[in-house]
Amino acid sequence: MSQIIGAGLFAFSIYIRAEPGIDEWIRLLDIYEYYIGVYILIGAGALVMIFSFLGCCSALMEHSTALYAFIGTQVFLFLATIAGSAIILAYSTTDSSVQPLIRQTMLRFISTSEHPHSSAALKLIQESIGCCGADGPNDYMVMRQPLPTECRDTVTGNAFFHGCVNELTWFLEDKSVWAAVMAMILAAIHTANTVLGIVLVQALKREEEAMYRR
């Protein structure tokens, strides 16, 4: 079970890291902190597939040292999956650490929209996502900047209601939640494996003591 979920977490985390759309937003908005959690989950998913085999071998051999090693790996993987899911959610959900970073970058682009790089970045983000400004079209008015055409709906001509901070956060959150759910399921499995490993070690100790008394 853990091998299947671990493989799924590994594959999905690789997809998040390699998906061109996500990478483009991360690069434009300079929020590379998001990838820290992704890298941790990639590593955790790979290690789950390896250490699950170790667990099977240690249980079959009924070797105390191997079981202690397995328990240690389960504790480590529990911490890794919790840390990875916490970091990826901390930089991809509503009211998380990522929103001030996106807001800061968007406002910087708006204030320097006369420069080609800022103008191109704003055009790409606002056209692709269907948003306007950091928190809405009022950002342009506050900064005394003209409202660009990509801020308007091509059909109605009205400015987009939602700002890019919320839209981009929802985009990242949609991907990250699935990875976090798989990581939390694995964390629960690692907890159960740790408890079962400790129970098995204690059972082996009692068996060895009984044999010694004979």
Protein backbone atom coordinates (compact mmCIF):
# COMPACT_ATOMS: atom_id res chain seq x y z
CA MET A 1 0.00 0.00 0.00
CA SER A 2 2.70 2.47 1.03
CA GLN A 3 4.73 1.61 -2.08
CA ILE A 4 1.80 2.49 -4.35
CA ILE A 5 1.07 5.78 -2.59
CA GLY A 6 4.80 6.55 -2.43
CA ALA A 7 5.11 5.96 -6.16
CA GLY A 8 2.07 8.18 -6.74
CA LEU A 9 3.52 10.95 -4.57
CA PHE A 10 6.89 10.68 -6.32
CA ALA A 11 5.32 10.80 -9.81
CA PHE A 12 2.94 13.66 -8.98
CA SER A 13 5.67 15.73 -7.31
CA ILE A 14 7.89 15.23 -10.37
CA TYR A 15 4.97 16.37 -12.54
CA ILE A 16 4.55 19.55 -10.44
CA ARG A 17 8.26 20.32 -10.74
CA ALA A 18 8.45 19.60 -14.47
CA GLU A 19 5.09 21.10 -15.57
CA PRO A 20 5.99 24.10 -17.78
CA GLY A 21 3.01 26.23 -16.72
CA ILE A 22 3.84 26.03 -13.02
CA ASP A 23 7.56 26.60 -13.61
CA GLU A 24 6.79 29.70 -15.66
CA TRP A 25 4.72 31.29 -12.87
CA ILE A 26 7.31 30.37 -10.23
CA ARG A 27 10.07 31.96 -12.33
CA LEU A 28 8.12 35.11 -13.18
CA LEU A 29 6.92 35.70 -9.62
CA ASP A 30 10.23 34.66 -8.01
CA ILE A 31 8.59 32.29 -5.51
CA TYR A 32 11.13 29.47 -5.63
CA GLU A 33 10.38 28.70 -1.95
CA TYR A 34 7.43 26.70 -3.29
CA TYR A 35 9.84 24.14 -4.75
CA ILE A 36 11.40 23.35 -1.35
CA GLY A 37 8.32 21.36 -0.34
CA VAL A 38 8.14 19.74 -3.78
CA TYR A 39 11.76 18.54 -3.54
CA ILE A 40 11.17 17.12 -0.06
CA LEU A 41 8.11 15.19 -1.30
CA ILE A 42 10.03 13.88 -4.32
CA GLY A 43 12.74 12.56 -2.00
CA ALA A 44 10.19 11.16 0.46
CA GLY A 45 8.28 9.37 -2.30
CA ALA A 46 11.47 7.76 -3.62
CA LEU A 47 12.58 6.66 -0.14
CA VAL A 48 9.15 5.19 0.64
CA MET A 49 9.48 2.84 -2.33
CA ILE A 50 12.95 1.75 -1.17
CA PHE A 51 12.27 1.42 2.56
CA SER A 52 8.99 -0.45 2.07
CA PHE A 53 11.08 -3.33 0.71
CA LEU A 54 13.32 -3.10 3.80
CA GLY A 55 10.25 -3.39 6.01
CA CYS A 56 9.08 -6.55 4.27
CA CYS A 57 12.53 -8.14 4.57
CA SER A 58 12.95 -7.24 8.26
CA ALA A 59 9.51 -8.63 9.12
CA LEU A 60 10.17 -11.89 7.26
CA MET A 61 13.61 -12.34 8.82
CA GLU A 62 12.32 -11.40 12.29
CA HIS A 63 15.66 -9.70 12.93
CA SER A 64 15.65 -7.12 15.74
CA THR A 65 18.40 -4.92 14.26
CA ALA A 66 16.66 -4.79 10.87
CA LEU A 67 13.38 -3.95 12.60
CA TYR A 68 15.01 -1.11 14.54
CA ALA A 69 16.41 0.21 11.26
CA PHE A 70 12.95 -0.02 9.71
CA ILE A 71 11.39 1.85 12.65
CA GLY A 72 14.03 4.56 12.26
CA THR A 73 13.24 4.95 8.56
CA GLN A 74 9.52 5.20 9.30
CA VAL A 75 10.08 7.97 11.85
CA PHE A 76 12.31 9.81 9.36
CA LEU A 77 9.77 9.44 6.54
CA PHE A 78 6.96 10.58 8.84
CA LEU A 79 8.88 13.78 9.58
CA ALA A 80 9.80 14.25 5.89
CA THR A 81 6.23 13.86 4.61
CA ILE A 82 4.86 16.19 7.30
CA ALA A 83 7.55 18.80 6.60
CA GLY A 84 7.13 18.54 2.82
CA SER A 85 3.35 18.88 2.93
CA ALA A 86 3.56 21.77 5.44
CA ILE A 87 6.02 23.70 3.27
CA ILE A 88 4.18 23.11 -0.01
CA LEU A 89 0.90 24.25 1.59
CA ALA A 90 2.60 27.22 3.26
CA TYR A 91 3.57 28.51 -0.19
CA SER A 92 0.47 27.67 -2.22
CA THR A 93 -2.75 28.22 -0.27
CA THR A 94 -5.03 31.16 0.52
CA ASP A 95 -3.70 33.36 3.36
CA SER A 96 -0.36 31.54 3.18
CA SER A 97 3.19 32.90 2.97
CA VAL A 98 3.07 32.91 -0.83
CA GLN A 99 0.42 35.64 -1.16
CA PRO A 100 2.56 38.54 0.16
CA LEU A 101 5.37 37.42 -2.18
CA ILE A 102 3.05 37.38 -5.22
CA ARG A 103 1.53 40.73 -4.19
CA GLN A 104 4.96 42.33 -3.83
CA THR A 105 6.08 41.12 -7.27
CA MET A 106 2.83 42.15 -8.98
CA LEU A 107 2.92 45.64 -7.48
CA ARG A 108 6.54 45.99 -8.56
CA PHE A 109 5.58 45.02 -12.12
CA ILE A 110 2.71 47.54 -12.11
CA SER A 111 4.87 50.38 -10.76
CA THR A 112 7.46 49.71 -13.49
CA SER A 113 5.02 48.75 -16.25
CA GLU A 114 6.70 51.17 -18.66
CA HIS A 115 9.68 48.79 -18.77
CA PRO A 116 9.45 46.00 -21.39
CA HIS A 117 10.18 43.16 -18.93
CA SER A 118 7.50 44.25 -16.44
CA SER A 119 4.99 44.95 -19.20
CA ALA A 120 5.57 41.53 -20.80
CA ALA A 121 5.29 39.75 -17.44
CA LEU A 122 2.02 41.52 -16.60
CA LYS A 123 0.59 40.77 -20.03
CA LEU A 124 1.48 37.07 -19.78
CA ILE A 125 0.11 36.64 -16.25
CA GLN A 126 -3.09 38.67 -16.67
CA GLU A 127 -4.01 37.23 -20.08
CA SER A 128 -3.26 33.62 -19.14
CA ILE A 129 -4.95 33.63 -15.72
CA GLY A 130 -7.73 36.14 -16.43
CA CYS A 131 -6.93 38.51 -13.57
CA CYS A 132 -6.07 42.17 -13.06
CA GLY A 133 -3.46 43.73 -10.81
CA ALA A 134 -2.37 42.28 -7.50
CA ASP A 135 -5.74 42.56 -5.73
CA GLY A 136 -7.85 44.03 -8.53
CA PRO A 137 -7.96 46.85 -11.11
CA ASN A 138 -7.78 49.48 -8.34
CA ASP A 139 -4.05 48.77 -8.03
CA TYR A 140 -3.49 50.54 -11.35
CA MET A 141 -5.53 53.55 -10.24
CA VAL A 142 -3.68 53.84 -6.92
CA MET A 143 -0.33 53.75 -8.73
CA ARG A 144 -1.60 56.15 -11.44
CA GLN A 145 -0.94 53.64 -14.19
CA PRO A 146 -3.19 53.08 -17.23
CA LEU A 147 -5.34 49.96 -17.14
CA PRO A 148 -3.92 47.60 -19.80
CA THR A 149 -6.16 45.88 -22.34
CA GLU A 150 -5.26 42.43 -20.99
CA CYS A 151 -7.03 43.45 -17.75
CA ARG A 152 -10.35 43.51 -19.59
CA ASP A 153 -12.65 40.71 -20.69
CA THR A 154 -12.45 40.46 -24.48
CA VAL A 155 -16.23 39.91 -24.73
CA THR A 156 -17.71 42.41 -22.26
CA GLY A 157 -14.82 44.87 -22.08
CA ASN A 158 -15.15 44.98 -18.29
CA ALA A 159 -12.07 44.74 -16.08
CA PHE A 160 -11.46 41.37 -14.43
CA PHE A 161 -12.83 41.39 -10.89
CA HIS A 162 -10.28 39.11 -9.21
CA GLY A 163 -6.69 40.14 -8.62
CA CYS A 164 -3.80 37.94 -9.70
CA VAL A 165 -2.76 37.17 -6.10
CA ASN A 166 -5.90 35.11 -5.50
CA GLU A 167 -6.04 33.60 -8.99
CA LEU A 168 -2.41 32.45 -8.92
CA THR A 169 -2.81 31.11 -5.37
CA TRP A 170 -5.85 29.08 -6.42
CA PHE A 171 -3.89 27.74 -9.40
CA LEU A 172 -1.01 26.56 -7.17
CA GLU A 173 -3.34 25.32 -4.44
CA ASP A 174 -5.21 23.08 -6.88
CA LYS A 175 -1.97 21.20 -7.62
CA SER A 176 -0.48 21.24 -4.12
CA VAL A 177 -3.47 19.90 -2.21
CA TRP A 178 -3.30 16.53 -3.99
CA ALA A 179 0.40 16.13 -3.16
CA ALA A 180 -0.24 17.14 0.46
CA VAL A 181 -3.12 14.64 0.80
CA MET A 182 -0.93 11.78 -0.45
CA ALA A 183 1.86 12.88 1.90
CA MET A 184 -0.50 12.94 4.90
CA ILE A 185 -1.82 9.46 4.05
CA LEU A 186 1.78 8.25 3.95
CA ALA A 187 2.47 9.94 7.30
CA ALA A 188 -0.43 7.99 8.82
CA ILE A 189 0.91 4.74 7.32
CA HIS A 190 4.40 5.48 8.69
CA THR A 191 2.89 6.01 12.14
CA ALA A 192 1.10 2.66 11.94
CA ASN A 193 4.26 0.94 10.65
CA THR A 194 6.28 2.40 13.53
CA VAL A 195 3.80 1.10 16.11
CA LEU A 196 3.65 -2.34 14.47
CA GLY A 197 7.44 -2.46 14.27
CA ILE A 198 7.77 -1.69 17.99
CA VAL A 199 5.15 -4.35 18.82
CA LEU A 200 7.03 -6.91 16.72
CA VAL A 201 10.36 -6.05 18.37
CA GLN A 202 8.81 -6.50 21.82
CA ALA A 203 7.30 -9.82 20.75
CA LEU A 204 10.70 -11.02 19.51
CA LYS A 205 12.30 -9.98 22.79
CA ARG A 206 9.74 -11.94 24.80
CA GLU A 207 10.27 -14.95 22.54
CA GLU A 208 14.05 -14.75 22.97
CA GLU A 209 13.69 -14.44 26.76
CA ALA A 210 11.39 -17.48 26.85
CA MET A 211 13.89 -19.51 24.83
CA TYR A 212 16.76 -18.39 27.11
CA ARG A 213 14.88 -19.50 30.23
CA ARG A 214 14.47 -22.98 28.79
